Amino acid sequence: MTIKKILVVDDSPTERHVMKTLLTGSGYEVITAESGEEAIAKAKSELPDLVLMDIVMPGLNGYQATRTLSRDQVTRNIPIIVCTTKGQETDRIWGLRQGAHDYLVKPVNGQELLAKIAA
């Protein structure tokens, strides 16, 4: 599957900007959401090829949003990569159990992220 459109989910305007700059500079179309609720709505309406999901957000957190997207008939085939400050092994395992395909700890290395997207 070729990745063209990426949904970046993060409550931090700075993180969204950094990710968007990196990804658009690499030729990807980027849409953003600042909450779990908005991420679910945009994933259903925009059907991105990939979701980059933060965990720590007000309201619906990234674990809950990941679980919802991975179990929904419309969005279950969209891969999700968690990008978070939560770096414990138990956090990583929990993220993958919620349906994430990969797990990166912030600050995310841009080249590592682009390599994971390309893979």
N, C-alpha and C. Protein backbone atom coordinates (compact mmCIF):
# COMPACT_ATOMS: atom_id res chain seq x y z
N MET A 1 0.85 -1.20 0.00
CA MET A 1 0.00 0.00 0.00
C MET A 1 0.89 1.24 0.00
N THR A 2 0.64 2.14 -0.92
CA THR A 2 1.40 3.37 -1.00
C THR A 2 0.79 4.41 -0.07
N ILE A 3 1.64 5.03 0.74
CA ILE A 3 1.18 6.05 1.68
C ILE A 3 1.26 7.41 0.98
N LYS A 4 0.13 8.09 0.89
CA LYS A 4 0.10 9.43 0.30
C LYS A 4 -0.44 10.46 1.29
N LYS A 5 -1.56 10.10 1.94
CA LYS A 5 -2.23 11.03 2.86
C LYS A 5 -2.05 10.55 4.29
N ILE A 6 -1.54 11.45 5.16
CA ILE A 6 -1.26 11.10 6.55
C ILE A 6 -2.03 12.02 7.49
N LEU A 7 -2.70 11.42 8.46
CA LEU A 7 -3.40 12.17 9.51
C LEU A 7 -2.48 12.26 10.72
N VAL A 8 -2.10 13.48 11.10
CA VAL A 8 -1.25 13.72 12.26
C VAL A 8 -2.15 14.16 13.41
N VAL A 9 -2.14 13.40 14.51
CA VAL A 9 -3.00 13.68 15.66
C VAL A 9 -2.12 14.05 16.85
N ASP A 10 -2.22 15.31 17.30
CA ASP A 10 -1.44 15.77 18.45
C ASP A 10 -2.09 17.03 18.99
N ASP A 11 -2.19 17.14 20.32
CA ASP A 11 -2.79 18.33 20.91
C ASP A 11 -1.82 19.51 20.95
N SER A 12 -0.55 19.28 20.66
CA SER A 12 0.46 20.35 20.66
C SER A 12 0.57 20.98 19.27
N PRO A 13 0.27 22.29 19.15
CA PRO A 13 0.41 22.96 17.85
C PRO A 13 1.85 22.86 17.32
N THR A 14 2.82 22.90 18.22
CA THR A 14 4.23 22.82 17.81
C THR A 14 4.52 21.45 17.20
N GLU A 15 4.10 20.38 17.88
CA GLU A 15 4.32 19.03 17.34
C GLU A 15 3.63 18.84 16.00
N ARG A 16 2.39 19.33 15.88
CA ARG A 16 1.67 19.20 14.61
C ARG A 16 2.44 19.93 13.50
N HIS A 17 2.94 21.12 13.81
CA HIS A 17 3.68 21.90 12.81
C HIS A 17 4.97 21.19 12.39
N VAL A 18 5.72 20.68 13.36
CA VAL A 18 6.99 19.99 13.07
C VAL A 18 6.73 18.76 12.19
N MET A 19 5.75 17.96 12.57
CA MET A 19 5.42 16.76 11.79
C MET A 19 4.94 17.12 10.39
N LYS A 20 4.07 18.13 10.32
CA LYS A 20 3.53 18.53 9.02
C LYS A 20 4.65 19.02 8.10
N THR A 21 5.57 19.82 8.64
CA THR A 21 6.68 20.34 7.86
C THR A 21 7.55 19.19 7.34
N LEU A 22 7.88 18.25 8.22
CA LEU A 22 8.70 17.09 7.83
C LEU A 22 8.01 16.29 6.72
N LEU A 23 6.73 16.00 6.92
CA LEU A 23 6.01 15.12 6.00
C LEU A 23 5.69 15.77 4.66
N THR A 24 5.26 17.04 4.68
CA THR A 24 4.97 17.72 3.41
C THR A 24 6.27 17.91 2.62
N GLY A 25 7.38 18.15 3.34
CA GLY A 25 8.68 18.27 2.69
C GLY A 25 9.11 16.98 2.02
N SER A 26 8.53 15.87 2.45
CA SER A 26 8.84 14.56 1.87
C SER A 26 7.77 14.12 0.87
N GLY A 27 6.87 15.03 0.53
CA GLY A 27 5.89 14.75 -0.51
C GLY A 27 4.56 14.18 -0.08
N TYR A 28 4.31 14.11 1.23
CA TYR A 28 3.04 13.58 1.71
C TYR A 28 2.00 14.67 1.85
N GLU A 29 0.74 14.30 1.64
CA GLU A 29 -0.37 15.19 1.94
C GLU A 29 -0.68 15.00 3.42
N VAL A 30 -0.79 16.09 4.18
CA VAL A 30 -0.97 15.98 5.64
C VAL A 30 -2.26 16.68 6.06
N ILE A 31 -3.05 15.97 6.85
CA ILE A 31 -4.20 16.55 7.53
C ILE A 31 -3.93 16.41 9.03
N THR A 32 -4.51 17.29 9.83
CA THR A 32 -4.22 17.26 11.26
C THR A 32 -5.49 17.23 12.09
N ALA A 33 -5.32 16.73 13.31
CA ALA A 33 -6.39 16.73 14.31
C ALA A 33 -5.72 16.98 15.66
N GLU A 34 -6.42 17.66 16.56
CA GLU A 34 -5.82 17.98 17.86
C GLU A 34 -6.44 17.24 19.03
N SER A 35 -7.31 16.27 18.74
CA SER A 35 -7.91 15.47 19.81
C SER A 35 -8.27 14.09 19.26
N GLY A 36 -8.51 13.16 20.17
CA GLY A 36 -8.93 11.83 19.77
C GLY A 36 -10.26 11.84 19.04
N GLU A 37 -11.18 12.67 19.53
CA GLU A 37 -12.50 12.77 18.90
C GLU A 37 -12.37 13.27 17.46
N GLU A 38 -11.57 14.34 17.28
CA GLU A 38 -11.38 14.91 15.95
C GLU A 38 -10.66 13.90 15.03
N ALA A 39 -9.73 13.15 15.61
CA ALA A 39 -9.00 12.14 14.83
C ALA A 39 -9.95 11.09 14.26
N ILE A 40 -10.88 10.62 15.07
CA ILE A 40 -11.83 9.60 14.62
C ILE A 40 -12.71 10.17 13.51
N ALA A 41 -13.21 11.39 13.71
CA ALA A 41 -14.08 12.02 12.70
C ALA A 41 -13.32 12.22 11.38
N LYS A 42 -12.09 12.73 11.46
CA LYS A 42 -11.31 12.98 10.24
C LYS A 42 -10.89 11.69 9.56
N ALA A 43 -10.56 10.67 10.35
CA ALA A 43 -10.17 9.39 9.75
C ALA A 43 -11.33 8.81 8.95
N LYS A 44 -12.55 8.95 9.47
CA LYS A 44 -13.73 8.43 8.78
C LYS A 44 -14.07 9.24 7.53
N SER A 45 -13.89 10.57 7.60
CA SER A 45 -14.27 11.41 6.46
C SER A 45 -13.17 11.50 5.41
N GLU A 46 -11.90 11.51 5.82
CA GLU A 46 -10.78 11.70 4.90
C GLU A 46 -10.14 10.40 4.43
N LEU A 47 -10.33 9.31 5.21
CA LEU A 47 -9.72 8.01 4.93
C LEU A 47 -8.24 8.14 4.56
N PRO A 48 -7.42 8.58 5.54
CA PRO A 48 -5.98 8.71 5.26
C PRO A 48 -5.34 7.34 5.07
N ASP A 49 -4.13 7.33 4.52
CA ASP A 49 -3.40 6.07 4.31
C ASP A 49 -2.65 5.65 5.57
N LEU A 50 -2.49 6.60 6.52
CA LEU A 50 -1.74 6.34 7.75
C LEU A 50 -2.16 7.37 8.80
N VAL A 51 -2.15 6.97 10.07
CA VAL A 51 -2.40 7.88 11.19
C VAL A 51 -1.18 7.88 12.09
N LEU A 52 -0.69 9.09 12.43
CA LEU A 52 0.35 9.25 13.45
C LEU A 52 -0.35 9.77 14.69
N MET A 53 -0.39 8.98 15.75
CA MET A 53 -1.25 9.23 16.91
C MET A 53 -0.45 9.54 18.17
N ASP A 54 -0.72 10.72 18.76
CA ASP A 54 -0.20 11.05 20.08
C ASP A 54 -1.05 10.29 21.11
N ILE A 55 -0.53 10.10 22.30
CA ILE A 55 -1.30 9.40 23.34
C ILE A 55 -1.89 10.38 24.35
N VAL A 56 -1.07 11.27 24.89
CA VAL A 56 -1.51 12.15 25.97
C VAL A 56 -2.22 13.37 25.38
N MET A 57 -3.57 13.33 25.42
CA MET A 57 -4.41 14.42 24.91
C MET A 57 -5.62 14.55 25.83
N PRO A 58 -6.17 15.76 25.92
CA PRO A 58 -7.39 15.91 26.72
C PRO A 58 -8.56 15.20 26.04
N GLY A 59 -9.56 14.82 26.82
CA GLY A 59 -10.71 14.12 26.25
C GLY A 59 -10.31 12.69 25.94
N LEU A 60 -10.67 12.25 24.75
CA LEU A 60 -10.35 10.89 24.30
C LEU A 60 -8.85 10.81 24.05
N ASN A 61 -8.15 9.94 24.79
CA ASN A 61 -6.70 9.86 24.59
C ASN A 61 -6.36 9.00 23.37
N GLY A 62 -5.06 8.95 23.05
CA GLY A 62 -4.63 8.23 21.86
C GLY A 62 -4.88 6.74 21.91
N TYR A 63 -4.78 6.15 23.09
CA TYR A 63 -5.08 4.72 23.21
C TYR A 63 -6.54 4.45 22.84
N GLN A 64 -7.44 5.28 23.39
CA GLN A 64 -8.87 5.11 23.12
C GLN A 64 -9.19 5.34 21.65
N ALA A 65 -8.58 6.39 21.06
CA ALA A 65 -8.83 6.69 19.65
C ALA A 65 -8.28 5.57 18.76
N THR A 66 -7.10 5.05 19.10
CA THR A 66 -6.50 3.95 18.34
C THR A 66 -7.40 2.72 18.39
N ARG A 67 -7.88 2.40 19.58
CA ARG A 67 -8.78 1.24 19.74
C ARG A 67 -10.04 1.42 18.90
N THR A 68 -10.62 2.63 18.95
CA THR A 68 -11.85 2.90 18.19
C THR A 68 -11.61 2.75 16.69
N LEU A 69 -10.52 3.35 16.19
CA LEU A 69 -10.23 3.29 14.75
C LEU A 69 -9.92 1.86 14.29
N SER A 70 -9.18 1.11 15.11
CA SER A 70 -8.79 -0.23 14.70
C SER A 70 -9.94 -1.23 14.75
N ARG A 71 -11.01 -0.87 15.43
CA ARG A 71 -12.17 -1.78 15.52
C ARG A 71 -13.34 -1.36 14.64
N ASP A 72 -13.25 -0.17 14.04
CA ASP A 72 -14.34 0.34 13.21
C ASP A 72 -14.23 -0.23 11.80
N GLN A 73 -15.35 -0.67 11.25
CA GLN A 73 -15.39 -1.26 9.91
C GLN A 73 -14.78 -0.34 8.85
N VAL A 74 -15.02 0.95 8.96
CA VAL A 74 -14.57 1.93 7.96
C VAL A 74 -13.08 2.20 8.05
N THR A 75 -12.52 2.20 9.27
CA THR A 75 -11.14 2.65 9.47
C THR A 75 -10.17 1.54 9.91
N ARG A 76 -10.64 0.32 10.07
CA ARG A 76 -9.81 -0.74 10.64
C ARG A 76 -8.56 -1.07 9.82
N ASN A 77 -8.55 -0.77 8.52
CA ASN A 77 -7.39 -1.10 7.69
C ASN A 77 -6.39 0.05 7.56
N ILE A 78 -6.64 1.15 8.26
CA ILE A 78 -5.69 2.28 8.24
C ILE A 78 -4.62 2.01 9.30
N PRO A 79 -3.34 1.90 8.89
CA PRO A 79 -2.29 1.67 9.89
C PRO A 79 -2.11 2.88 10.80
N ILE A 80 -1.78 2.62 12.06
CA ILE A 80 -1.58 3.68 13.05
C ILE A 80 -0.19 3.52 13.64
N ILE A 81 0.58 4.62 13.64
CA ILE A 81 1.86 4.64 14.34
C ILE A 81 1.71 5.60 15.51
N VAL A 82 1.93 5.10 16.71
CA VAL A 82 1.87 5.95 17.90
C VAL A 82 3.16 6.75 17.99
N CYS A 83 3.04 8.07 18.22
CA CYS A 83 4.19 8.96 18.44
C CYS A 83 3.93 9.69 19.74
N THR A 84 4.63 9.32 20.81
CA THR A 84 4.30 9.82 22.14
C THR A 84 5.54 10.00 23.01
N THR A 85 5.36 10.74 24.10
CA THR A 85 6.43 10.88 25.10
C THR A 85 6.44 9.70 26.05
N LYS A 86 5.39 8.88 26.04
CA LYS A 86 5.29 7.74 26.95
C LYS A 86 6.21 6.62 26.47
N GLY A 87 7.38 6.50 27.12
CA GLY A 87 8.41 5.61 26.63
C GLY A 87 8.60 4.30 27.36
N GLN A 88 7.74 3.99 28.32
CA GLN A 88 7.87 2.73 29.05
C GLN A 88 7.47 1.55 28.15
N GLU A 89 8.08 0.41 28.39
CA GLU A 89 7.77 -0.79 27.60
C GLU A 89 6.29 -1.16 27.75
N THR A 90 5.73 -0.98 28.95
CA THR A 90 4.30 -1.30 29.15
C THR A 90 3.41 -0.38 28.31
N ASP A 91 3.83 0.90 28.13
CA ASP A 91 3.07 1.82 27.28
C ASP A 91 3.08 1.34 25.83
N ARG A 92 4.27 0.91 25.37
CA ARG A 92 4.42 0.43 24.00
C ARG A 92 3.55 -0.82 23.77
N ILE A 93 3.62 -1.74 24.69
CA ILE A 93 2.83 -2.97 24.57
C ILE A 93 1.33 -2.65 24.55
N TRP A 94 0.91 -1.75 25.44
CA TRP A 94 -0.51 -1.36 25.50
C TRP A 94 -0.94 -0.70 24.20
N GLY A 95 -0.10 0.18 23.65
CA GLY A 95 -0.42 0.84 22.38
C GLY A 95 -0.60 -0.16 21.25
N LEU A 96 0.30 -1.14 21.19
CA LEU A 96 0.19 -2.16 20.14
C LEU A 96 -1.04 -3.04 20.36
N ARG A 97 -1.39 -3.30 21.61
CA ARG A 97 -2.59 -4.09 21.90
C ARG A 97 -3.88 -3.37 21.53
N GLN A 98 -3.82 -2.03 21.47
CA GLN A 98 -5.01 -1.25 21.09
C GLN A 98 -5.20 -1.23 19.58
N GLY A 99 -4.19 -1.73 18.85
CA GLY A 99 -4.32 -1.80 17.39
C GLY A 99 -3.27 -1.01 16.63
N ALA A 100 -2.33 -0.36 17.33
CA ALA A 100 -1.27 0.38 16.63
C ALA A 100 -0.35 -0.60 15.91
N HIS A 101 0.20 -0.16 14.79
CA HIS A 101 1.12 -1.00 14.01
C HIS A 101 2.57 -0.79 14.43
N ASP A 102 2.85 0.39 15.00
CA ASP A 102 4.21 0.69 15.44
C ASP A 102 4.13 1.74 16.54
N TYR A 103 5.26 1.97 17.21
CA TYR A 103 5.28 2.85 18.38
C TYR A 103 6.62 3.58 18.41
N LEU A 104 6.58 4.91 18.34
CA LEU A 104 7.78 5.74 18.41
C LEU A 104 7.70 6.67 19.61
N VAL A 105 8.84 6.90 20.26
CA VAL A 105 8.89 7.79 21.42
C VAL A 105 9.44 9.14 20.98
N LYS A 106 8.76 10.22 21.43
CA LYS A 106 9.22 11.58 21.12
C LYS A 106 10.43 11.93 21.98
N PRO A 107 11.33 12.79 21.51
CA PRO A 107 11.24 13.42 20.20
C PRO A 107 11.51 12.41 19.09
N VAL A 108 10.64 12.40 18.09
CA VAL A 108 10.73 11.43 17.00
C VAL A 108 11.86 11.84 16.07
N ASN A 109 12.70 10.86 15.72
CA ASN A 109 13.75 11.07 14.74
C ASN A 109 13.08 11.09 13.36
N GLY A 110 13.23 12.21 12.65
CA GLY A 110 12.56 12.38 11.36
C GLY A 110 12.89 11.30 10.36
N GLN A 111 14.18 10.92 10.26
CA GLN A 111 14.58 9.90 9.30
C GLN A 111 14.01 8.53 9.67
N GLU A 112 13.97 8.24 10.97
CA GLU A 112 13.40 6.97 11.43
C GLU A 112 11.90 6.91 11.10
N LEU A 113 11.20 8.03 11.33
CA LEU A 113 9.77 8.09 11.03
C LEU A 113 9.53 7.88 9.54
N LEU A 114 10.29 8.59 8.71
CA LEU A 114 10.11 8.46 7.25
C LEU A 114 10.41 7.04 6.78
N ALA A 115 11.40 6.40 7.40
CA ALA A 115 11.72 5.01 7.05
C ALA A 115 10.57 4.08 7.41
N LYS A 116 9.96 4.30 8.58
CA LYS A 116 8.84 3.44 9.00
C LYS A 116 7.63 3.65 8.08
N ILE A 117 7.41 4.90 7.66
CA ILE A 117 6.29 5.19 6.75
C ILE A 117 6.54 4.49 5.40
N ALA A 118 7.76 4.59 4.90
CA ALA A 118 8.10 3.97 3.61
C ALA A 118 7.98 2.45 3.67
N ALA A 119 8.25 1.88 4.85
CA ALA A 119 8.16 0.42 4.99
C ALA A 119 6.71 0.01 5.05
